[in-house]
Protein backbone atom coordinates (compact mmCIF):
# COMPACT_ATOMS: atom_id res chain seq x y z
CA MET A 1 129.16 129.53 99.90
CA ARG A 2 131.56 131.64 101.59
CA GLY A 3 133.49 132.32 98.07
CA LEU A 4 130.58 132.89 96.56
CA PHE A 5 129.61 135.91 98.80
CA ARG A 6 133.06 137.01 99.27
CA GLY A 7 133.72 135.86 102.84
CA GLY A 8 130.59 136.60 104.36
CA LEU A 9 126.86 137.28 104.42
CA LYS A 10 125.28 140.61 105.55
CA GLN A 11 121.85 140.19 107.57
CA SER A 12 119.99 141.78 104.42
CA GLN A 13 121.34 138.73 102.20
CA VAL A 14 120.58 136.34 105.02
CA ASP A 15 116.94 137.49 105.26
CA GLY A 16 116.74 137.52 101.10
CA LEU A 17 118.17 134.00 100.91
CA ASN A 18 115.61 132.96 103.38
CA ALA A 19 112.74 134.34 101.37
CA LEU A 20 114.24 132.71 98.15
CA LEU A 21 114.61 129.36 99.94
CA ASP A 22 110.66 129.45 100.82
CA ALA A 23 109.98 130.75 97.47
CA VAL A 24 111.90 127.39 96.18
CA THR A 25 110.31 124.82 98.50
CA GLY A 26 108.94 121.68 96.56
CA CYS A 27 111.60 122.28 93.86
CA GLY A 28 114.46 119.71 93.26
CA ILE A 29 117.75 120.65 94.46
CA ASN A 30 118.95 121.00 91.22
CA GLU A 31 116.04 123.47 90.37
CA ALA A 32 116.36 125.24 93.44
CA ALA A 33 119.91 125.54 92.99
CA TYR A 34 119.54 127.36 89.56
CA MET A 35 116.89 129.56 90.81
CA LEU A 36 119.18 130.75 93.84
CA ALA A 37 121.79 131.08 91.18
CA THR A 38 120.04 133.42 89.02
CA ALA A 39 118.79 135.26 91.91
CA CYS A 40 122.21 135.71 93.26
CA HIS A 41 123.38 136.96 89.74
CA GLU A 42 120.37 139.19 89.00
CA THR A 43 120.32 141.15 92.16
CA ASP A 44 124.26 141.38 92.27
CA PHE A 45 124.60 139.44 95.12
CA THR A 46 122.14 141.34 97.28
CA MET A 47 119.58 138.55 97.34
CA LEU A 48 117.03 141.03 97.53
CA PRO A 49 114.73 142.43 94.48
CA ILE A 50 116.43 145.30 92.89
CA GLU A 51 115.96 147.72 90.02
CA GLU A 52 118.24 147.44 87.14
CA ARG A 53 121.31 150.07 87.34
CA GLY A 54 120.58 152.54 84.65
CA LYS A 55 116.99 151.81 84.54
CA GLY A 56 117.41 150.63 81.06
CA ARG A 57 119.10 153.29 79.80
CA GLY A 58 120.52 152.99 76.42
CA ARG A 59 118.68 149.81 75.90
CA ASP A 60 115.64 149.34 73.46
CA TYR A 61 113.30 148.38 76.66
CA GLY A 62 114.21 151.29 78.25
CA LYS A 63 112.78 153.58 75.39
CA ARG A 64 109.05 152.65 75.66
CA LEU A 65 109.31 149.93 72.88
CA LYS A 66 107.80 146.54 72.79
CA GLU A 67 109.95 143.62 72.28
CA SER A 68 108.95 143.69 68.88
CA ARG A 69 110.22 147.30 68.76
CA GLN A 70 106.82 148.75 68.34
CA PRO A 71 106.02 151.65 70.48
CA TYR A 72 103.50 151.51 73.32
CA ASN A 73 101.09 154.22 74.65
CA ASP A 74 98.86 152.63 77.35
CA THR A 75 101.10 153.45 80.07
CA ALA A 76 104.00 155.78 80.96
CA ALA A 77 105.65 153.02 82.67
CA ILE A 78 109.16 151.89 81.61
CA PHE A 79 109.64 148.18 81.83
CA TYR A 80 113.56 147.77 82.76
CA GLY A 81 114.80 144.99 84.80
CA ARG A 82 113.26 144.67 88.12
CA GLY A 83 113.07 141.91 90.91
CA TYR A 84 114.73 138.85 91.36
CA VAL A 85 115.16 137.79 87.67
CA GLN A 86 115.46 141.54 86.31
CA LEU A 87 112.02 141.38 84.50
CA THR A 88 112.05 143.41 81.24
CA TRP A 89 109.97 144.40 78.24
CA TYR A 90 106.61 145.43 78.04
CA GLU A 91 105.23 141.68 76.97
CA ASN A 92 107.00 139.96 79.96
CA TYR A 93 105.32 142.36 82.53
CA ALA A 94 102.25 141.84 80.97
CA LYS A 95 102.52 138.07 80.79
CA ALA A 96 103.79 138.13 84.43
CA GLY A 97 100.83 140.26 85.56
CA GLN A 98 98.22 138.53 83.74
CA LYS A 99 99.64 135.20 85.14
CA LEU A 100 99.70 136.40 88.72
CA GLY A 101 96.36 138.43 88.53
CA ILE A 102 98.02 141.93 89.06
CA ASN A 103 98.63 144.72 86.89
CA LEU A 104 102.14 145.21 86.20
CA LEU A 105 101.48 147.18 83.20
CA GLN A 106 100.32 150.06 85.47
CA GLU A 107 102.45 149.47 88.46
CA PRO A 108 105.76 147.83 87.31
CA GLU A 109 107.24 148.53 90.61
CA LEU A 110 105.43 145.54 92.23
CA ALA A 111 107.64 143.51 90.76
CA LEU A 112 109.88 144.78 93.56
CA ARG A 113 107.80 142.94 96.34
CA PRO A 114 109.78 140.01 97.56
CA LEU A 115 106.55 137.53 97.39
CA ILE A 116 105.93 139.02 93.74
CA ALA A 117 109.47 138.63 92.58
CA ALA A 118 109.78 135.13 94.05
CA ARG A 119 106.44 134.14 92.34
CA ILE A 120 107.93 135.76 89.06
CA MET A 121 111.02 133.76 89.41
CA ARG A 122 109.86 130.78 90.16
CA GLU A 123 106.57 130.17 88.02
CA GLY A 124 108.55 131.95 85.09
CA MET A 125 111.22 129.91 85.26
CA LEU A 126 109.29 126.86 85.35
CA GLU A 127 106.64 127.61 82.82
CA GLY A 128 108.87 129.50 80.59
CA TRP A 129 107.70 133.05 80.86
CA PHE A 130 110.42 134.91 79.85
CA THR A 131 111.94 133.36 76.56
CA GLY A 132 109.91 130.49 75.98
CA ARG A 133 112.20 127.75 77.56
CA LYS A 134 111.68 126.51 80.96
CA LEU A 135 113.82 125.09 83.97
CA SER A 136 112.50 121.34 82.91
CA ASP A 137 114.73 121.72 79.49
CA TYR A 138 117.85 122.06 81.15
CA VAL A 139 117.35 120.93 85.01
CA GLY A 140 115.79 117.93 86.55
CA LEU A 141 116.19 115.21 89.10
CA TYR A 142 118.93 113.49 87.28
CA ARG A 143 120.36 116.72 85.02
CA ALA A 144 121.75 119.74 85.68
CA GLU A 145 122.46 121.57 82.39
CA TYR A 146 123.35 124.95 84.34
CA VAL A 147 125.06 126.72 81.41
CA GLY A 148 122.54 126.05 78.96
CA ALA A 149 119.54 126.97 81.53
CA ARG A 150 120.77 130.46 81.27
CA ARG A 151 118.62 130.54 78.01
CA ILE A 152 115.61 130.63 80.27
CA ILE A 153 116.40 134.28 81.23
CA ASN A 154 118.98 135.89 79.00
CA GLY A 155 120.49 133.64 75.96
CA GLN A 156 123.95 132.97 77.04
CA ASP A 157 124.95 136.19 78.96
CA LYS A 158 127.27 135.12 82.06
CA ALA A 159 125.80 131.44 81.58
CA ALA A 160 129.31 129.91 82.86
CA ALA A 161 129.37 131.99 86.29
CA ILE A 162 125.79 131.50 86.86
CA ALA A 163 126.48 127.67 86.58
CA ASP A 164 129.41 128.07 88.97
CA TYR A 165 126.76 129.75 91.23
CA ALA A 166 124.44 126.91 90.63
CA ILE A 167 126.69 124.28 91.50
CA ALA A 168 127.96 126.00 94.95
CA PHE A 169 124.14 126.36 95.74
CA GLU A 170 123.71 122.81 95.04
CA THR A 171 126.46 121.71 96.97
CA ALA A 172 125.09 123.74 100.02
CA LEU A 173 121.41 122.62 99.26
CA ARG A 174 122.88 118.87 99.19
CA LYS A 175 124.79 119.26 102.49
CA ALA A 176 121.82 120.92 104.42
CA LYS A 177 119.68 118.05 103.49
CA LYS A 178 122.07 115.43 105.29
C-alpha cells in the first residue's frame, strides 16, 4: 500500500479510506478491493469525493447535453464528474438520484457528500447503474477480472493501472483479515 500512496498517507486520506472501508462492509474482498481501487483512481488518490478537474470543459457532458447528445433545459446544472466514481451525464445523475431518493438533477453537488458518494459508488457498481455492467459480471468470491471490471465505470480507460491498484488493495485486505 505504501507504493500505491507514494510513501505514506495524509490524515485526510486515512479518514477517506476509513469511510470507504465502512462503505464496502459486507462486500467480498475482491469486490471491496475493486471499489477501493476505483475510488483511489477517480479521486486522484485523495480518497475523498472530488469534483472533476475542468468541470467537464471540452466534453459533451459539460455542455448541458444528455448522453444521447440531446439538450436538457429542466435544470441549469452541468453534470460533470463528482464523487468517488466521478458520476457524469444527466441520465446517471437522474438514475442515482431516483435510486437514492434525492434530487441530484437540481442539486448535483450532493454527490460530493461522502455518505452519498459512497452509496453511489457501492450501489451503482453492484447494480450496474453507470454502463449497465455490474461488478458481479467481473468480480466475485472466486473471480477477479479487474481489468475487465473497468467497463462498469468507463470503458477500458486506465483499466490496467486500476487493476494493479485493486491487487494492492486485495493483498492489504487479505493481510488485514488474518
